[in-house]
C-alpha atoms as a PDB file:
ATOM      1  CA  MET A   1     -23.868  -8.049   0.197  1.00  0.00           C
ATOM      2  CA  ASN A   2     -25.142  -4.463   0.121  1.00  0.00           C
ATOM      3  CA  THR A   3     -22.559  -1.701   0.138  1.00  0.00           C
ATOM      4  CA  THR A   4     -23.093   1.759   1.601  1.00  0.00           C
ATOM      5  CA  THR A   5     -21.132   4.722   0.275  1.00  0.00           C
ATOM      6  CA  ARG A   6     -20.815   8.260   1.566  1.00  0.00           C
ATOM      7  CA  LEU A   7     -18.528  11.223   2.112  1.00  0.00           C
ATOM      8  CA  ILE A   8     -17.574  11.685   5.770  1.00  0.00           C
ATOM      9  CA  ALA A   9     -16.186  14.884   7.295  1.00  0.00           C
ATOM     10  CA  VAL A  10     -12.791  14.183   8.861  1.00  0.00           C
ATOM     11  CA  ASN A  11     -10.354  16.866  10.049  1.00  0.00           C
ATOM     12  CA  ASN A  12     -11.948  19.534   7.866  1.00  0.00           C
ATOM     13  CA  LYS A  13     -11.830  17.239   4.835  1.00  0.00           C
ATOM     14  CA  GLU A  14     -14.301  14.910   3.186  1.00  0.00           C
ATOM     15  CA  LEU A  15     -13.226  11.285   2.784  1.00  0.00           C
ATOM     16  CA  TRP A  16     -15.005   8.759   0.579  1.00  0.00           C
ATOM     17  CA  VAL A  17     -16.026   5.683   2.578  1.00  0.00           C
ATOM     18  CA  GLU A  18     -17.587   2.401   1.490  1.00  0.00           C
ATOM     19  CA  GLU A  19     -18.789  -0.264   3.920  1.00  0.00           C
ATOM     20  CA  GLU A  20     -20.124  -3.789   3.548  1.00  0.00           C
ATOM     21  CA  GLY A  21     -21.036  -6.430   6.090  1.00  0.00           C
ATOM     22  CA  SER A  22     -21.351  -6.287   9.850  1.00  0.00           C
ATOM     23  CA  GLY A  23     -19.345  -7.359  12.854  1.00  0.00           C
ATOM     24  CA  GLU A  24     -15.939  -6.233  14.079  1.00  0.00           C
ATOM     25  CA  PRO A  25     -14.562  -3.476  11.826  1.00  0.00           C
ATOM     26  CA  LEU A  26     -11.743  -4.256   9.408  1.00  0.00           C
ATOM     27  CA  VAL A  27     -10.336  -1.053   7.918  1.00  0.00           C
ATOM     28  CA  LEU A  28      -8.417  -1.463   4.651  1.00  0.00           C
ATOM     29  CA  LEU A  29      -5.563   0.923   3.872  1.00  0.00           C
ATOM     30  CA  SER A  30      -4.656   1.021   0.194  1.00  0.00           C
ATOM     31  CA  GLY A  31      -1.300   1.484  -1.497  1.00  0.00           C
ATOM     32  CA  GLY A  32      -0.032   3.851  -4.076  1.00  0.00           C
ATOM     33  CA  PRO A  33       0.350   6.215  -2.282  1.00  0.00           C
ATOM     34  CA  ALA A  34      -1.853   7.849  -4.915  1.00  0.00           C
ATOM     35  CA  ALA A  35      -4.301   5.037  -5.671  1.00  0.00           C
ATOM     36  CA  SER A  36      -7.833   4.416  -4.415  1.00  0.00           C
ATOM     37  CA  HIS A  37      -9.572   1.762  -2.341  1.00  0.00           C
ATOM     38  CA  ARG A  38     -10.704  -0.044  -5.518  1.00  0.00           C
ATOM     39  CA  ILE A  39      -7.576  -2.194  -5.444  1.00  0.00           C
ATOM     40  CA  PHE A  40      -9.300  -4.215  -2.686  1.00  0.00           C
ATOM     41  CA  GLN A  41     -12.575  -4.865  -4.503  1.00  0.00           C
ATOM     42  CA  PRO A  42     -14.048  -7.449  -4.763  1.00  0.00           C
ATOM     43  CA  TYR A  43     -11.301  -9.418  -3.024  1.00  0.00           C
ATOM     44  CA  PHE A  44     -12.452  -8.680   0.540  1.00  0.00           C
ATOM     45  CA  SER A  45     -16.179  -8.980  -0.012  1.00  0.00           C
ATOM     46  CA  ALA A  46     -16.211 -12.625   1.100  1.00  0.00           C
ATOM     47  CA  LEU A  47     -15.112 -11.487   4.561  1.00  0.00           C
ATOM     48  CA  SER A  48     -18.171  -9.248   4.890  1.00  0.00           C
ATOM     49  CA  SER A  49     -20.188 -12.189   6.191  1.00  0.00           C
ATOM     50  CA  ARG A  50     -18.162 -11.939   9.408  1.00  0.00           C
ATOM     51  CA  TYR A  51     -16.685  -8.449   9.501  1.00  0.00           C
ATOM     52  CA  ARG A  52     -17.632  -4.866   8.808  1.00  0.00           C
ATOM     53  CA  ILE A  53     -15.329  -4.123   5.886  1.00  0.00           C
ATOM     54  CA  ILE A  54     -14.429  -0.440   5.651  1.00  0.00           C
ATOM     55  CA  TYR A  55     -12.841   0.859   2.448  1.00  0.00           C
ATOM     56  CA  TYR A  56     -11.889   4.498   2.156  1.00  0.00           C
ATOM     57  CA  ASP A  57      -9.876   6.858   0.000  1.00  0.00           C
ATOM     58  CA  TYR A  58      -7.153   8.976   1.546  1.00  0.00           C
ATOM     59  CA  TYR A  59      -7.493  12.742   1.214  1.00  0.00           C
ATOM     60  CA  GLY A  60      -6.977  13.736  -2.419  1.00  0.00           C
ATOM     61  CA  ARG A  61      -7.225  10.185  -3.745  1.00  0.00           C
ATOM     62  CA  GLY A  62     -10.037   8.266  -5.373  1.00  0.00           C
ATOM     63  CA  GLN A  63     -13.370   9.951  -4.680  1.00  0.00           C
ATOM     64  CA  SER A  64     -12.281  11.880  -1.585  1.00  0.00           C
ATOM     65  CA  GLN A  65     -12.086  15.656  -1.550  1.00  0.00           C
ATOM     66  CA  ARG A  66      -9.240  17.213  -3.532  1.00  0.00           C
ATOM     67  CA  PRO A  67      -6.899  19.761  -1.911  1.00  0.00           C
ATOM     68  CA  SER A  68      -6.186  23.156  -3.406  1.00  0.00           C
ATOM     69  CA  ALA A  69      -2.592  21.981  -3.971  1.00  0.00           C
ATOM     70  CA  TRP A  70      -1.055  18.495  -3.941  1.00  0.00           C
ATOM     71  CA  THR A  71       1.572  19.765  -1.506  1.00  0.00           C
ATOM     72  CA  ASP A  72      -1.228  19.942   1.096  1.00  0.00           C
ATOM     73  CA  ILE A  73      -1.171  16.135   1.348  1.00  0.00           C
ATOM     74  CA  HIS A  74       1.192  14.702   3.957  1.00  0.00           C
ATOM     75  CA  PHE A  75       1.995  11.281   5.361  1.00  0.00           C
ATOM     76  CA  ALA A  76       1.300  12.490   8.905  1.00  0.00           C
ATOM     77  CA  GLY A  77      -2.065  13.768   7.704  1.00  0.00           C
ATOM     78  CA  ASP A  78      -2.958  10.347   6.310  1.00  0.00           C
ATOM     79  CA  VAL A  79      -2.197   8.849   9.720  1.00  0.00           C
ATOM     80  CA  ASP A  80      -4.251  11.386  11.662  1.00  0.00           C
ATOM     81  CA  ASP A  81      -7.105  11.188   9.145  1.00  0.00           C
ATOM     82  CA  LEU A  82      -7.415   7.489   9.966  1.00  0.00           C
ATOM     83  CA  GLU A  83      -7.894   8.372  13.618  1.00  0.00           C
ATOM     84  CA  GLY A  84     -10.416  11.046  12.634  1.00  0.00           C
ATOM     85  CA  LEU A  85     -12.289   8.505  10.548  1.00  0.00           C
ATOM     86  CA  ARG A  86     -12.390   6.029  13.443  1.00  0.00           C
ATOM     87  CA  MET A  87     -13.966   8.678  15.654  1.00  0.00           C
ATOM     88  CA  ALA A  88     -16.358   9.879  12.938  1.00  0.00           C
ATOM     89  CA  LEU A  89     -17.614   6.318  12.489  1.00  0.00           C
ATOM     90  CA  GLY A  90     -18.064   5.912  16.241  1.00  0.00           C
ATOM     91  CA  LEU A  91     -15.725   2.922  16.414  1.00  0.00           C
ATOM     92  CA  CYS A  92     -13.897   1.775  19.521  1.00  0.00           C
ATOM     93  CA  LYS A  93     -11.100  -0.561  18.461  1.00  0.00           C
ATOM     94  CA  ILE A  94     -10.399  -1.322  14.827  1.00  0.00           C
ATOM     95  CA  ASN A  95      -8.653  -4.086  12.947  1.00  0.00           C
ATOM     96  CA  LEU A  96      -6.234  -2.674  10.379  1.00  0.00           C
ATOM     97  CA  TYR A  97      -5.101  -4.164   7.071  1.00  0.00           C
ATOM     98  CA  GLY A  98      -2.320  -2.088   5.549  1.00  0.00           C
ATOM     99  CA  PHE A  99      -1.231  -2.920   1.999  1.00  0.00           C
ATOM    100  CA  SER A 100       2.001  -1.492   0.505  1.00  0.00           C
ATOM    101  CA  TYR A 101       1.958   2.264   1.325  1.00  0.00           C
ATOM    102  CA  GLY A 102      -1.058   1.549   3.517  1.00  0.00           C
ATOM    103  CA  GLY A 103       1.207  -0.636   5.647  1.00  0.00           C
ATOM    104  CA  LEU A 104       3.329   2.410   6.428  1.00  0.00           C
ATOM    105  CA  VAL A 105       0.213   4.334   7.472  1.00  0.00           C
ATOM    106  CA  ALA A 106      -0.855   1.329   9.565  1.00  0.00           C
ATOM    107  CA  GLN A 107       2.499   1.090  11.326  1.00  0.00           C
ATOM    108  CA  ALA A 108       2.535   4.798  12.150  1.00  0.00           C
ATOM    109  CA  TYR A 109      -1.068   4.664  13.360  1.00  0.00           C
ATOM    110  CA  ALA A 110      -0.485   1.587  15.521  1.00  0.00           C
ATOM    111  CA  LEU A 111       2.526   3.231  17.158  1.00  0.00           C
ATOM    112  CA  LYS A 112       0.703   6.525  17.784  1.00  0.00           C
ATOM    113  CA  TYR A 113      -2.817   5.248  18.506  1.00  0.00           C
ATOM    114  CA  GLY A 114      -2.102   1.684  19.601  1.00  0.00           C
ATOM    115  CA  ALA A 115      -4.866   1.643  22.212  1.00  0.00           C
ATOM    116  CA  ASN A 116      -7.374   1.865  19.354  1.00  0.00           C
ATOM    117  CA  VAL A 117      -6.022  -1.105  17.360  1.00  0.00           C
ATOM    118  CA  SER A 118      -7.334  -4.594  17.988  1.00  0.00           C
ATOM    119  CA  HIS A 119      -5.279  -6.462  15.364  1.00  0.00           C
ATOM    120  CA  LEU A 120      -2.674  -5.200  12.898  1.00  0.00           C
ATOM    121  CA  VAL A 121      -2.104  -6.841   9.516  1.00  0.00           C
ATOM    122  CA  LEU A 122       0.740  -5.671   7.265  1.00  0.00           C
ATOM    123  CA  ALA A 123       0.701  -7.020   3.712  1.00  0.00           C
ATOM    124  CA  ASN A 124       3.380  -6.579   1.043  1.00  0.00           C
ATOM    125  CA  THR A 125       4.630  -3.455   2.732  1.00  0.00           C
ATOM    126  CA  LEU A 126       7.799  -1.637   3.765  1.00  0.00           C
ATOM    127  CA  HIS A 127       9.501  -0.875   7.054  1.00  0.00           C
ATOM    128  CA  SER A 128      11.482   2.248   6.113  1.00  0.00           C
ATOM    129  CA  PRO A 129      12.318   4.848   3.461  1.00  0.00           C
ATOM    130  CA  GLU A 130      15.477   2.824   2.867  1.00  0.00           C
ATOM    131  CA  MET A 131      13.368  -0.168   1.851  1.00  0.00           C
ATOM    132  CA  TRP A 132      11.384   2.055  -0.529  1.00  0.00           C
ATOM    133  CA  GLN A 133      14.655   3.099  -2.150  1.00  0.00           C
ATOM    134  CA  LYS A 134      15.684  -0.540  -2.526  1.00  0.00           C
ATOM    135  CA  ASN A 135      12.297  -1.239  -4.110  1.00  0.00           C
ATOM    136  CA  HIS A 136      13.166   1.014  -7.037  1.00  0.00           C
ATOM    137  CA  GLU A 137      16.727  -0.226  -7.244  1.00  0.00           C
ATOM    138  CA  ASN A 138      15.354  -3.758  -7.562  1.00  0.00           C
ATOM    139  CA  ILE A 139      12.846  -2.718 -10.223  1.00  0.00           C
ATOM    140  CA  ASN A 140      15.564  -1.009 -12.239  1.00  0.00           C
ATOM    141  CA  ARG A 141      17.847  -4.016 -11.971  1.00  0.00           C
ATOM    142  CA  GLU A 142      15.110  -6.326 -13.253  1.00  0.00           C
ATOM    143  CA  ILE A 143      14.318  -4.005 -16.161  1.00  0.00           C
ATOM    144  CA  SER A 144      17.996  -3.646 -17.085  1.00  0.00           C
ATOM    145  CA  ASN A 145      18.392  -7.418 -17.147  1.00  0.00           C
ATOM    146  CA  GLN A 146      15.135  -8.343 -18.905  1.00  0.00           C
ATOM    147  CA  TYR A 147      14.668  -5.282 -21.151  1.00  0.00           C
ATOM    148  CA  PRO A 148      18.223  -4.002 -21.751  1.00  0.00           C
ATOM    149  CA  GLU A 149      17.218  -2.068 -24.876  1.00  0.00           C
ATOM    150  CA  VAL A 150      14.630  -0.107 -22.857  1.00  0.00           C
ATOM    151  CA  TRP A 151      17.075   0.426 -20.026  1.00  0.00           C
ATOM    152  CA  ASP A 152      19.684   1.812 -22.438  1.00  0.00           C
ATOM    153  CA  SER A 153      17.126   4.342 -23.678  1.00  0.00           C
ATOM    154  CA  ILE A 154      16.320   5.280 -20.084  1.00  0.00           C
ATOM    155  CA  LEU A 155      19.999   5.861 -19.357  1.00  0.00           C
ATOM    156  CA  GLU A 156      20.321   8.086 -22.447  1.00  0.00           C
ATOM    157  CA  LEU A 157      17.538  10.312 -21.127  1.00  0.00           C
ATOM    158  CA  ARG A 158      19.133  10.316 -17.672  1.00  0.00           C
ATOM    159  CA  LYS A 159      22.322  11.694 -19.215  1.00  0.00           C
ATOM    160  CA  GLN A 160      20.232  14.624 -20.430  1.00  0.00           C
ATOM    161  CA  GLY A 161      18.964  15.290 -16.902  1.00  0.00           C
ATOM    162  CA  VAL A 162      15.463  13.902 -17.484  1.00  0.00           C
ATOM    163  CA  ARG A 163      13.626  13.027 -14.258  1.00  0.00           C
ATOM    164  CA  SER A 164      11.112  10.280 -13.485  1.00  0.00           C
ATOM    165  CA  SER A 165       8.078  12.526 -13.845  1.00  0.00           C
ATOM    166  CA  ASP A 166       9.013  13.593 -17.384  1.00  0.00           C
ATOM    167  CA  PRO A 167       6.549  12.143 -19.952  1.00  0.00           C
ATOM    168  CA  ALA A 168       9.396  10.765 -22.092  1.00  0.00           C
ATOM    169  CA  LEU A 169      10.732   8.715 -19.204  1.00  0.00           C
ATOM    170  CA  ARG A 170       7.242   7.681 -18.120  1.00  0.00           C
ATOM    171  CA  GLN A 171       6.629   6.353 -21.626  1.00  0.00           C
ATOM    172  CA  LEU A 172       9.738   4.182 -21.443  1.00  0.00           C
ATOM    173  CA  PHE A 173       8.944   2.812 -17.998  1.00  0.00           C
ATOM    174  CA  GLY A 174       5.325   2.332 -19.034  1.00  0.00           C
ATOM    175  CA  GLY A 175       6.389   0.306 -22.036  1.00  0.00           C
ATOM    176  CA  VAL A 176       7.743  -2.413 -19.768  1.00  0.00           C
ATOM    177  CA  PRO A 177       5.060  -4.825 -18.504  1.00  0.00           C
ATOM    178  CA  ALA A 178       6.283  -4.161 -14.996  1.00  0.00           C
ATOM    179  CA  ASN A 179       3.366  -5.773 -13.198  1.00  0.00           C
ATOM    180  CA  LYS A 180       3.913  -8.989 -15.111  1.00  0.00           C
ATOM    181  CA  LEU A 181       7.683  -8.801 -14.738  1.00  0.00           C
ATOM    182  CA  LEU A 182       7.860  -7.768 -11.112  1.00  0.00           C
ATOM    183  CA  ARG A 183       4.625  -8.077  -9.220  1.00  0.00           C
ATOM    184  CA  PHE A 184       2.920 -11.371 -10.011  1.00  0.00           C
ATOM    185  CA  TYR A 185       3.498 -15.079  -9.631  1.00  0.00           C
ATOM    186  CA  ASN A 186       0.767 -15.666 -12.212  1.00  0.00           C
ATOM    187  CA  PRO A 187       1.171 -12.894 -14.817  1.00  0.00           C
ATOM    188  CA  GLY A 188      -2.243 -13.647 -16.279  1.00  0.00           C
ATOM    189  CA  LEU A 189      -3.791 -11.962 -13.258  1.00  0.00           C
ATOM    190  CA  ALA A 190      -2.105  -8.675 -14.152  1.00  0.00           C
ATOM    191  CA  ALA A 191      -4.911  -7.832 -16.562  1.00  0.00           C
ATOM    192  CA  GLU A 192      -7.409  -8.352 -13.760  1.00  0.00           C
ATOM    193  CA  LEU A 193      -5.560  -5.869 -11.588  1.00  0.00           C
ATOM    194  CA  LEU A 194      -4.969  -3.331 -14.315  1.00  0.00           C
ATOM    195  CA  ASP A 195      -8.620  -3.232 -15.341  1.00  0.00           C
ATOM    196  CA  GLY A 196      -9.076   0.277 -14.019  1.00  0.00           C
ATOM    197  CA  LYS A 197      -8.351  -0.562 -10.388  1.00  0.00           C
ATOM    198  CA  TRP A 198      -4.755   0.583 -10.181  1.00  0.00           C
ATOM    199  CA  ALA A 199      -5.063   4.098 -11.541  1.00  0.00           C
ATOM    200  CA  PRO A 200      -2.960   6.412  -9.379  1.00  0.00           C
ATOM    201  CA  ASN A 201      -3.142  10.165  -9.686  1.00  0.00           C
ATOM    202  CA  LEU A 202       0.329  10.740 -11.162  1.00  0.00           C
ATOM    203  CA  ASP A 203       0.379  14.479 -10.370  1.00  0.00           C
ATOM    204  CA  LEU A 204      -0.142  13.690  -6.703  1.00  0.00           C
ATOM    205  CA  TYR A 205       2.149  10.672  -6.885  1.00  0.00           C
ATOM    206  CA  PHE A 206       5.243  12.572  -8.004  1.00  0.00           C
ATOM    207  CA  GLU A 207       4.571  15.416  -5.586  1.00  0.00           C
ATOM    208  CA  PHE A 208       4.312  12.896  -2.752  1.00  0.00           C
ATOM    209  CA  VAL A 209       7.223  10.563  -3.565  1.00  0.00           C
ATOM    210  CA  GLY A 210       9.534  12.929  -5.444  1.00  0.00           C
ATOM    211  CA  HIS A 211       9.900  13.791  -9.108  1.00  0.00           C
ATOM    212  CA  ASP A 212      12.838  11.428  -9.563  1.00  0.00           C
ATOM    213  CA  ILE A 213      11.350   8.508  -7.641  1.00  0.00           C
ATOM    214  CA  ASP A 214      12.612   5.785  -9.985  1.00  0.00           C
ATOM    215  CA  PHE A 215      16.114   6.647  -8.805  1.00  0.00           C
ATOM    216  CA  PHE A 216      15.899   8.676  -5.587  1.00  0.00           C
ATOM    217  CA  ILE A 217      13.116   8.908  -3.026  1.00  0.00           C
ATOM    218  CA  GLY A 218      11.932  12.407  -2.194  1.00  0.00           C
ATOM    219  CA  GLY A 219       8.861  14.379  -1.186  1.00  0.00           C
ATOM    220  CA  GLN A 220       6.999  12.962   1.779  1.00  0.00           C
ATOM    221  CA  LEU A 221       9.010   9.730   1.743  1.00  0.00           C
ATOM    222  CA  GLY A 222      11.880  11.460   3.476  1.00  0.00           C
ATOM    223  CA  LEU A 223       9.524  12.305   6.344  1.00  0.00           C
ATOM    224  CA  ILE A 224       8.311   8.757   6.923  1.00  0.00           C
ATOM    225  CA  PRO A 225       9.951   7.235  10.009  1.00  0.00           C
ATOM    226  CA  ASP A 226      12.262   4.258   9.935  1.00  0.00           C
ATOM    227  CA  PHE A 227       9.949   1.857  11.761  1.00  0.00           C
ATOM    228  CA  ARG A 228      12.532  -0.880  12.316  1.00  0.00           C
ATOM    229  CA  PRO A 229      13.636   0.163  15.831  1.00  0.00           C
ATOM    230  CA  LEU A 230      10.020   0.885  16.818  1.00  0.00           C
ATOM    231  CA  LEU A 231       8.164  -2.256  15.757  1.00  0.00           C
ATOM    232  CA  LYS A 232       9.056  -4.217  18.881  1.00  0.00           C
ATOM    233  CA  GLU A 233       6.940  -1.711  20.832  1.00  0.00           C
ATOM    234  CA  LEU A 234       3.701  -2.861  19.197  1.00  0.00           C
ATOM    235  CA  GLU A 235       1.539  -4.603  21.798  1.00  0.00           C
ATOM    236  CA  MET A 236      -1.446  -5.715  19.704  1.00  0.00           C
ATOM    237  CA  PRO A 237      -1.408  -9.001  17.739  1.00  0.00           C
ATOM    238  CA  VAL A 238       0.520  -8.411  14.509  1.00  0.00           C
ATOM    239  CA  LEU A 239       0.437 -10.436  11.286  1.00  0.00           C
ATOM    240  CA  ILE A 240       2.965  -9.660   8.538  1.00  0.00           C
ATOM    241  CA  MET A 241       2.612 -11.212   5.076  1.00  0.00           C
ATOM    242  CA  ALA A 242       4.595 -11.113   1.852  1.00  0.00           C
ATOM    243  CA  GLY A 243       4.770 -12.852  -1.509  1.00  0.00           C
ATOM    244  CA  ARG A 244       7.570 -15.230  -2.433  1.00  0.00           C
ATOM    245  CA  HIS A 245       7.636 -13.915  -6.015  1.00  0.00           C
ATOM    246  CA  ASP A 246       7.660 -10.195  -5.318  1.00  0.00           C
ATOM    247  CA  ARG A 247      10.637  -9.038  -7.391  1.00  0.00           C
ATOM    248  CA  ALA A 248      10.472  -5.429  -6.242  1.00  0.00           C
ATOM    249  CA  LEU A 249      10.053  -5.838  -2.469  1.00  0.00           C
ATOM    250  CA  TYR A 250      12.095  -9.007  -2.324  1.00  0.00           C
ATOM    251  CA  PRO A 251      11.525 -11.640   0.375  1.00  0.00           C
ATOM    252  CA  ARG A 252      15.068 -10.856   1.555  1.00  0.00           C
ATOM    253  CA  TYR A 253      13.843  -7.452   2.721  1.00  0.00           C
ATOM    254  CA  GLN A 254      10.400  -8.633   3.808  1.00  0.00           C
ATOM    255  CA  MET A 255      11.950 -11.173   6.141  1.00  0.00           C
ATOM    256  CA  GLU A 256      13.697  -8.367   7.999  1.00  0.00           C
ATOM    257  CA  PHE A 257      10.331  -7.771   9.670  1.00  0.00           C
ATOM    258  CA  LYS A 258      10.933 -11.013  11.589  1.00  0.00           C
ATOM    259  CA  GLN A 259      14.007  -9.466  13.166  1.00  0.00           C
ATOM    260  CA  TYR A 260      12.501  -6.075  13.999  1.00  0.00           C
ATOM    261  CA  CYS A 261       9.026  -7.258  14.993  1.00  0.00           C
ATOM    262  CA  PRO A 262       9.758 -10.665  16.575  1.00  0.00           C
ATOM    263  CA  GLN A 263       6.398 -10.777  18.364  1.00  0.00           C
ATOM    264  CA  ALA A 264       4.550 -10.832  15.019  1.00  0.00           C
ATOM    265  CA  GLU A 265       3.372 -13.824  13.070  1.00  0.00           C
ATOM    266  CA  PHE A 266       5.105 -13.829   9.675  1.00  0.00           C
ATOM    267  CA  LEU A 267       3.801 -15.649   6.590  1.00  0.00           C
ATOM    268  CA  LEU A 268       5.282 -15.943   3.108  1.00  0.00           C
ATOM    269  CA  PHE A 269       2.754 -16.759   0.396  1.00  0.00           C
ATOM    270  CA  GLU A 270       4.388 -19.187  -2.017  1.00  0.00           C
ATOM    271  CA  GLU A 271       2.192 -18.462  -5.056  1.00  0.00           C
ATOM    272  CA  SER A 272       2.025 -14.668  -4.889  1.00  0.00           C
ATOM    273  CA  GLY A 273       3.957 -11.590  -5.839  1.00  0.00           C
ATOM    274  CA  SER A 274       3.047  -8.147  -4.533  1.00  0.00           C
ATOM    275  CA  PHE A 275      -0.714  -8.765  -4.385  1.00  0.00           C
ATOM    276  CA  ILE A 276      -1.518 -11.722  -2.154  1.00  0.00           C
ATOM    277  CA  HIS A 277      -5.137 -10.565  -1.856  1.00  0.00           C
ATOM    278  CA  ILE A 278      -5.513 -11.231  -5.584  1.00  0.00           C
ATOM    279  CA  GLU A 279      -3.297 -14.242  -6.222  1.00  0.00           C
ATOM    280  CA  GLU A 280      -4.050 -16.300  -3.099  1.00  0.00           C
ATOM    281  CA  ASN A 281      -7.339 -14.801  -2.045  1.00  0.00           C
ATOM    282  CA  GLY A 282      -8.845 -17.990  -0.601  1.00  0.00           C
ATOM    283  CA  LYS A 283      -5.809 -18.715   1.535  1.00  0.00           C
ATOM    284  CA  LEU A 284      -5.681 -15.098   2.704  1.00  0.00           C
ATOM    285  CA  ARG A 285      -9.333 -15.220   3.757  1.00  0.00           C
ATOM    286  CA  GLU A 286      -8.761 -18.309   5.890  1.00  0.00           C
ATOM    287  CA  ILE A 287      -5.682 -16.794   7.515  1.00  0.00           C
ATOM    288  CA  LEU A 288      -7.434 -13.504   8.302  1.00  0.00           C
ATOM    289  CA  GLU A 289     -10.462 -15.238   9.779  1.00  0.00           C
ATOM    290  CA  ASP A 290      -8.178 -17.284  12.018  1.00  0.00           C
ATOM    291  CA  PHE A 291      -6.012 -14.308  13.011  1.00  0.00           C
ATOM    292  CA  LEU A 292      -8.849 -11.859  13.616  1.00  0.00           C
ATOM    293  CA  GLY A 293     -10.974 -14.422  15.413  1.00  0.00           C
END
């Protein structure tokens, strides 16, 4: 399937957009929040025989225009840029697939611009800043149990006042095969993911989430709404999916979506961690085709 790529002017910015296929638009919102759209490729290409798959990079990420300062990037701006992109592409209603951080953007967009959303899919995502905080608490607990010698070294640096963004602490966290430990049912797939596709801009990342993110959320995360009391207001069809073996965003927390968004269809993928579009791609394709119609 041929892919078209271009920069599109949106809200006085230029966003990198890739498209493949034709049919009803399916817009993919990536995670990070400092990573690019490449995390989805080639896992959604099979759907391009039925849908117009739209990948794009948020402002300042991937191949989109860079700001003069990372502090110019805001969560609210990511939400409004999605609306600007919809209009720039001349689309009426769009189907949204929000993964991880992209699920937060998707929830905010669907609540603000719900009339423009045909179907909403939330995959391996979060419902609140509180859940993001628990994500890191869970990661730290797993590391302390499985790699106690590394965790002891981390705690020694913490006693010295070292923050998450410090290179010494990054080296310790980076020395733990976190994706294998925390994110995958089949660890062998970690290499497939890490082959240049998950390459966040760390300067932007720490500015956006806070410079001590492994322990306390900060930056833009404090400005993200708690969506839990709002999700029942969503009127479009909603599909929420999570992985049974996600050991950062545990199923215990994912299943809270069933309480706060009771009108949604909820699915737990039994052979996936944080990346169902990689580990159970065939099953995901069938489910999306059925849900999107």
